[in-house]
């Protein structure tokens, strides 16, 4: 079967986790091309997958109610990301676990040493503007580039005492690593619009946490207008962003699911992994 996920030319931590994680979970299963698509991490259950001859869904999420594809006999569902996805697809809530990125914890060794008091991870499209790094460094916050190598991102999240993140999979990994996290919206809600909130709420519905993001000014003009930005306006936005980040840090406005919820979700995926291996034990 073929591993199917969104591939950004610049790199994107959440999506790139697929290529790092699934061959470790199911070694020897994936090939370059196949009519059978394995769909794991990502908000990718939309019209892109409709024409696939067979799709195996292992924890993916829907891109909103308007984008939900129709489920038919070509689908083999092991899990979906959250309750919003199950409703959008019209499938039983028994398939809901959480985002499968949490099982990265099983395959990534780290200790409890902390190097960074606070780290910040932007949405991967926000990261195209390098000023985010400068903004963070000026206030003593470690910057994690979501376009970096997956192992580098995992390491820096694990080394952080707290994570402020625009990238949802930054929060998901932080939660599984037991690193308290704070959600922020900057460019993501301008680019993805209602999809941004839908996917966050979809995941959070499985970890018993309400969604209360802090809104930050985006550091570039929308789409291709960045070259025409006003320097004074940009300076003001930077100060606002730094003030809001410092407020999160000062007020300890972080979230973390309970140990019980996190472990139960991991245990459910471990069971599904064994079920999958039994069914596809003879696959080449």
Protein backbone atom coordinates (compact mmCIF):
# COMPACT_ATOMS: atom_id res chain seq x y z
CA UNK A 1 0.00 0.00 0.00
CA UNK A 2 1.04 3.62 -0.51
CA UNK A 3 1.44 6.18 2.24
CA UNK A 4 -0.66 9.19 1.27
CA UNK A 5 -0.35 12.60 2.89
CA UNK A 6 0.01 16.27 1.99
CA UNK A 7 3.56 17.12 0.93
CA UNK A 8 4.62 20.74 1.26
CA UNK A 9 7.58 21.81 -0.86
CA UNK A 10 8.92 23.78 2.10
CA UNK A 11 8.25 21.03 4.63
CA UNK A 12 5.56 20.88 7.30
CA UNK A 13 6.07 19.11 10.62
CA UNK A 14 2.55 17.71 11.00
CA UNK A 15 2.37 16.22 7.52
CA UNK A 16 6.02 15.13 7.43
CA UNK A 17 5.46 13.08 10.58
CA UNK A 18 3.81 10.52 8.28
CA UNK A 19 7.01 9.60 6.45
CA UNK A 20 8.95 9.43 9.73
CA UNK A 21 6.39 7.54 11.82
CA UNK A 22 4.42 5.00 9.79
CA UNK A 23 7.36 2.99 8.39
CA UNK A 24 8.43 2.51 12.02
CA UNK A 25 4.94 1.40 13.03
CA UNK A 26 4.40 -0.86 10.01
CA UNK A 27 7.84 -1.76 8.58
CA UNK A 28 7.86 -3.26 5.11
CA UNK A 29 4.24 -2.34 4.37
CA UNK A 30 4.58 0.74 2.18
CA UNK A 31 5.57 1.02 -1.47
CA UNK A 32 5.99 4.03 -3.77
CA UNK A 33 2.86 3.43 -5.83
CA UNK A 34 -0.27 1.45 -5.07
CA UNK A 35 -4.03 1.56 -5.63
CA UNK A 36 -4.37 1.12 -1.87
CA UNK A 37 -3.74 4.36 0.03
CA UNK A 38 -2.92 4.48 3.74
CA UNK A 39 -4.13 7.80 5.15
CA UNK A 40 -2.82 8.59 8.61
CA UNK A 41 -1.81 11.99 10.00
CA UNK A 42 -3.38 15.09 8.51
CA UNK A 43 -6.56 16.98 7.77
CA UNK A 44 -6.85 15.26 4.45
CA UNK A 45 -10.23 13.52 4.29
CA UNK A 46 -11.71 15.58 1.47
CA UNK A 47 -12.33 15.35 -2.27
CA UNK A 48 -8.66 14.54 -2.96
CA UNK A 49 -9.17 10.94 -1.89
CA UNK A 50 -12.48 10.19 -3.60
CA UNK A 51 -11.01 8.56 -6.70
CA UNK A 52 -8.68 6.22 -4.83
CA UNK A 53 -9.53 2.58 -5.44
CA UNK A 54 -9.13 1.79 -1.74
CA UNK A 55 -8.36 4.01 1.22
CA UNK A 56 -7.32 2.84 4.67
CA UNK A 57 -8.04 5.59 7.19
CA UNK A 58 -5.93 5.45 10.32
CA UNK A 59 -6.77 8.57 12.31
CA UNK A 60 -7.07 11.32 9.70
CA UNK A 61 -9.42 14.28 9.99
CA UNK A 62 -12.00 15.95 7.75
CA UNK A 63 -11.41 19.46 6.41
CA UNK A 64 -14.79 20.73 7.57
CA UNK A 65 -18.44 19.95 6.93
CA UNK A 66 -18.41 21.41 3.42
CA UNK A 67 -15.44 19.30 2.35
CA UNK A 68 -16.48 15.91 3.72
CA UNK A 69 -16.33 13.10 1.13
CA UNK A 70 -18.86 10.27 0.94
CA UNK A 71 -17.90 7.02 2.65
CA UNK A 72 -18.45 3.91 0.52
CA UNK A 73 -17.10 0.37 0.22
CA UNK A 74 -13.69 1.63 -0.88
CA UNK A 75 -13.07 2.87 2.67
CA UNK A 76 -11.55 0.79 5.43
CA UNK A 77 -11.72 2.88 8.58
CA UNK A 78 -9.64 2.06 11.64
CA UNK A 79 -9.92 5.46 13.29
CA UNK A 80 -10.76 9.09 12.63
CA UNK A 81 -9.27 12.07 14.42
CA UNK A 82 -12.29 13.35 16.34
CA UNK A 83 -16.03 13.58 16.85
CA UNK A 84 -16.43 16.39 14.31
CA UNK A 85 -14.86 14.18 11.65
CA UNK A 86 -17.10 11.21 12.50
CA UNK A 87 -20.21 13.40 12.23
CA UNK A 88 -19.06 14.98 8.98
CA UNK A 89 -18.44 11.54 7.46
CA UNK A 90 -21.58 10.03 8.94
CA UNK A 91 -19.68 7.17 10.59
CA UNK A 92 -20.09 5.68 14.04
CA UNK A 93 -18.34 7.51 16.88
CA UNK A 94 -16.73 4.19 17.83
CA UNK A 95 -14.08 5.06 15.22
CA UNK A 96 -13.05 8.20 17.11
CA UNK A 97 -9.78 8.00 19.04
CA UNK A 98 -7.63 11.12 18.55
CA UNK A 99 -4.94 12.32 16.19
CA UNK A 100 -2.56 9.40 15.52
CA UNK A 101 0.51 11.63 15.86
CA UNK A 102 0.41 10.82 19.59
CA UNK A 103 1.97 7.43 18.92
CA UNK A 104 5.20 9.18 17.91
CA UNK A 105 5.86 9.08 21.65
CA UNK A 106 6.32 5.31 21.41
CA UNK A 107 8.96 5.58 18.71
CA UNK A 108 10.88 8.61 19.91
CA UNK A 109 13.22 8.30 22.88
CA UNK A 110 13.62 11.36 25.06
CA UNK A 111 14.35 12.16 28.67
CA UNK A 112 12.74 14.74 30.93
CA UNK A 113 15.61 17.19 30.68
CA UNK A 114 14.46 20.70 29.74
CA UNK A 115 16.62 23.15 27.83
CA UNK A 116 14.05 25.76 26.75
CA UNK A 117 11.71 27.43 29.28
CA UNK A 118 9.30 28.35 26.45
CA UNK A 119 9.27 27.55 22.73
CA UNK A 120 7.15 28.93 19.90
CA UNK A 121 6.11 27.02 16.77
CA UNK A 122 4.24 28.88 13.99
CA UNK A 123 1.97 27.44 11.31
CA UNK A 124 4.23 26.31 8.47
CA UNK A 125 2.97 29.01 6.11
CA UNK A 126 3.56 31.67 8.77
CA UNK A 127 7.13 30.40 9.03
CA UNK A 128 7.92 31.64 5.52
CA UNK A 129 8.45 35.02 7.13
CA UNK A 130 11.74 34.76 9.00
CA UNK A 131 10.80 37.63 11.31
CA UNK A 132 9.05 35.14 13.59
CA UNK A 133 12.45 33.88 14.66
CA UNK A 134 13.59 37.40 15.49
CA UNK A 135 10.38 38.15 17.37
CA UNK A 136 10.91 35.11 19.57
CA UNK A 137 14.62 35.62 20.18
CA UNK A 138 14.09 39.22 21.27
CA UNK A 139 11.96 38.06 24.21
CA UNK A 140 13.98 34.96 25.08
CA UNK A 141 11.67 32.39 23.52
CA UNK A 142 13.06 29.43 21.59
CA UNK A 143 11.85 29.31 17.98
CA UNK A 144 10.90 25.96 16.43
CA UNK A 145 10.63 26.06 12.65
CA UNK A 146 7.88 23.61 11.54
CA UNK A 147 9.67 23.20 8.21
CA UNK A 148 12.68 21.67 9.95
CA UNK A 149 13.53 17.98 10.04
CA UNK A 150 10.91 16.01 11.98
CA UNK A 151 13.44 14.69 14.51
CA UNK A 152 14.69 18.22 15.19
CA UNK A 153 11.13 19.42 15.88
CA UNK A 154 10.42 16.44 18.13
CA UNK A 155 13.64 17.04 20.05
CA UNK A 156 12.99 20.73 20.61
CA UNK A 157 9.40 20.16 21.73
CA UNK A 158 10.60 17.51 24.18
CA UNK A 159 13.27 19.90 25.49
CA UNK A 160 10.71 22.65 26.12
CA UNK A 161 9.01 23.26 29.45
CA UNK A 162 6.13 24.97 27.63
CA UNK A 163 5.10 25.36 23.98
CA UNK A 164 3.16 28.20 22.40
CA UNK A 165 2.02 27.01 19.00
CA UNK A 166 0.12 28.04 15.92
CA UNK A 167 0.79 24.58 14.46
CA UNK A 168 -1.80 22.09 15.68
CA UNK A 169 0.57 19.14 15.51
CA UNK A 170 2.97 21.07 17.67
CA UNK A 171 0.26 21.01 20.33
CA UNK A 172 -0.57 17.35 19.72
CA UNK A 173 3.03 16.23 20.10
CA UNK A 174 3.55 18.52 23.09
CA UNK A 175 0.48 17.05 24.76
CA UNK A 176 1.68 13.50 24.19
CA UNK A 177 5.16 14.46 25.51
CA UNK A 178 3.42 15.99 28.56
CA UNK A 179 4.57 19.51 27.66
CA UNK A 180 1.88 22.12 28.48
CA UNK A 181 0.93 24.11 25.38
CA UNK A 182 -0.93 27.28 24.39
CA UNK A 183 -2.73 27.67 21.03
CA UNK A 184 -2.40 30.86 19.00
CA UNK A 185 -3.86 31.94 15.66
CA UNK A 186 -1.96 34.27 13.33
CA UNK A 187 -1.78 33.38 9.63
CA UNK A 188 -3.43 29.97 9.82
CA UNK A 189 -6.98 31.25 10.27
CA UNK A 190 -6.50 33.70 7.39
CA UNK A 191 -5.26 30.97 5.07
CA UNK A 192 -7.42 28.01 6.07
CA UNK A 193 -10.36 30.08 7.36
CA UNK A 194 -12.97 27.90 9.11
CA UNK A 195 -10.89 24.76 8.50
CA UNK A 196 -8.38 25.95 11.12
CA UNK A 197 -10.89 26.05 13.94
CA UNK A 198 -12.68 22.90 12.75
CA UNK A 199 -9.55 20.74 12.87
CA UNK A 200 -8.46 22.06 16.28
CA UNK A 201 -11.91 21.45 17.76
CA UNK A 202 -11.98 18.02 16.13
CA UNK A 203 -8.78 16.98 17.92
CA UNK A 204 -9.64 18.71 21.20
CA UNK A 205 -12.97 16.87 21.33
CA UNK A 206 -10.94 13.75 22.08
CA UNK A 207 -8.83 15.15 24.92
CA UNK A 208 -11.52 16.99 26.91
CA UNK A 209 -10.12 20.48 26.33
CA UNK A 210 -12.04 23.53 25.12
CA UNK A 211 -10.59 25.73 22.40
CA UNK A 212 -9.41 29.16 23.55
CA UNK A 213 -6.71 30.41 21.14
CA UNK A 214 -5.02 33.78 21.46
CA UNK A 215 -5.15 35.81 18.24
CA UNK A 216 -1.92 37.39 17.04
CA UNK A 217 -1.38 39.77 14.12
CA UNK A 218 0.10 37.94 11.15
CA UNK A 219 3.58 39.21 10.32
CA UNK A 220 3.16 39.44 6.59
CA UNK A 221 0.57 40.86 4.23
CA UNK A 222 -2.11 38.39 3.20
CA UNK A 223 -1.04 36.19 0.29
CA UNK A 224 1.52 37.99 -1.93
CA UNK A 225 1.29 41.51 -0.52
CA UNK A 226 4.12 41.12 1.97
CA UNK A 227 6.54 43.10 -0.20
CA UNK A 228 4.34 46.18 0.25
CA UNK A 229 4.11 46.06 4.03
CA UNK A 230 4.33 49.27 6.01
CA UNK A 231 7.39 49.21 8.27
CA UNK A 232 5.77 51.20 11.05
CA UNK A 233 2.70 48.97 11.01
CA UNK A 234 4.95 45.94 11.08
CA UNK A 235 6.87 47.31 14.07
CA UNK A 236 3.59 47.84 15.96
CA UNK A 237 2.44 44.30 15.15
CA UNK A 238 5.70 42.86 16.44
CA UNK A 239 5.29 44.69 19.73
CA UNK A 240 1.69 43.43 20.04
CA UNK A 241 2.77 39.86 19.35
CA UNK A 242 5.58 40.00 21.88
CA UNK A 243 3.25 41.49 24.49
CA UNK A 244 0.67 38.73 23.94
CA UNK A 245 3.28 35.99 24.08
CA UNK A 246 4.66 37.45 27.30
CA UNK A 247 1.14 37.56 28.73
CA UNK A 248 0.68 33.86 28.00
CA UNK A 249 3.98 33.12 29.72
CA UNK A 250 3.27 35.36 32.71
CA UNK A 251 -0.28 34.11 33.25
CA UNK A 252 0.61 30.45 32.57
CA UNK A 253 -2.20 30.17 30.02
CA UNK A 254 -1.37 26.62 29.00
CA UNK A 255 -3.34 23.43 28.47
CA UNK A 256 -2.58 19.74 28.97
CA UNK A 257 -4.85 16.72 28.76
CA UNK A 258 -5.03 14.41 31.74
CA UNK A 259 -2.52 11.55 31.99
CA UNK A 260 -5.44 9.12 31.93
CA UNK A 261 -6.92 10.49 28.69
CA UNK A 262 -3.54 10.57 26.99
CA UNK A 263 -2.65 7.00 27.98
CA UNK A 264 -6.08 5.64 27.06
CA UNK A 265 -5.80 7.13 23.59
CA UNK A 266 -2.33 5.67 23.09
CA UNK A 267 -3.56 2.26 24.30
CA UNK A 268 -6.40 2.36 21.76
CA UNK A 269 -3.95 3.01 18.95
CA UNK A 270 -1.65 0.23 20.14
CA UNK A 271 -4.61 -2.15 19.91
CA UNK A 272 -5.44 -0.93 16.40
CA UNK A 273 -1.84 -1.32 15.30
CA UNK A 274 -1.90 -4.96 16.35
CA UNK A 275 -5.22 -5.47 14.58
CA UNK A 276 -3.81 -3.95 11.40
CA UNK A 277 -0.64 -6.07 11.58
CA UNK A 278 -2.66 -9.26 11.92
CA UNK A 279 -4.79 -8.46 8.88
CA UNK A 280 -1.90 -7.32 6.70
CA UNK A 281 0.82 -9.63 8.03
CA UNK A 282 1.46 -11.10 4.59
CA UNK A 283 1.61 -7.85 2.68
CA UNK A 284 4.70 -7.15 0.57
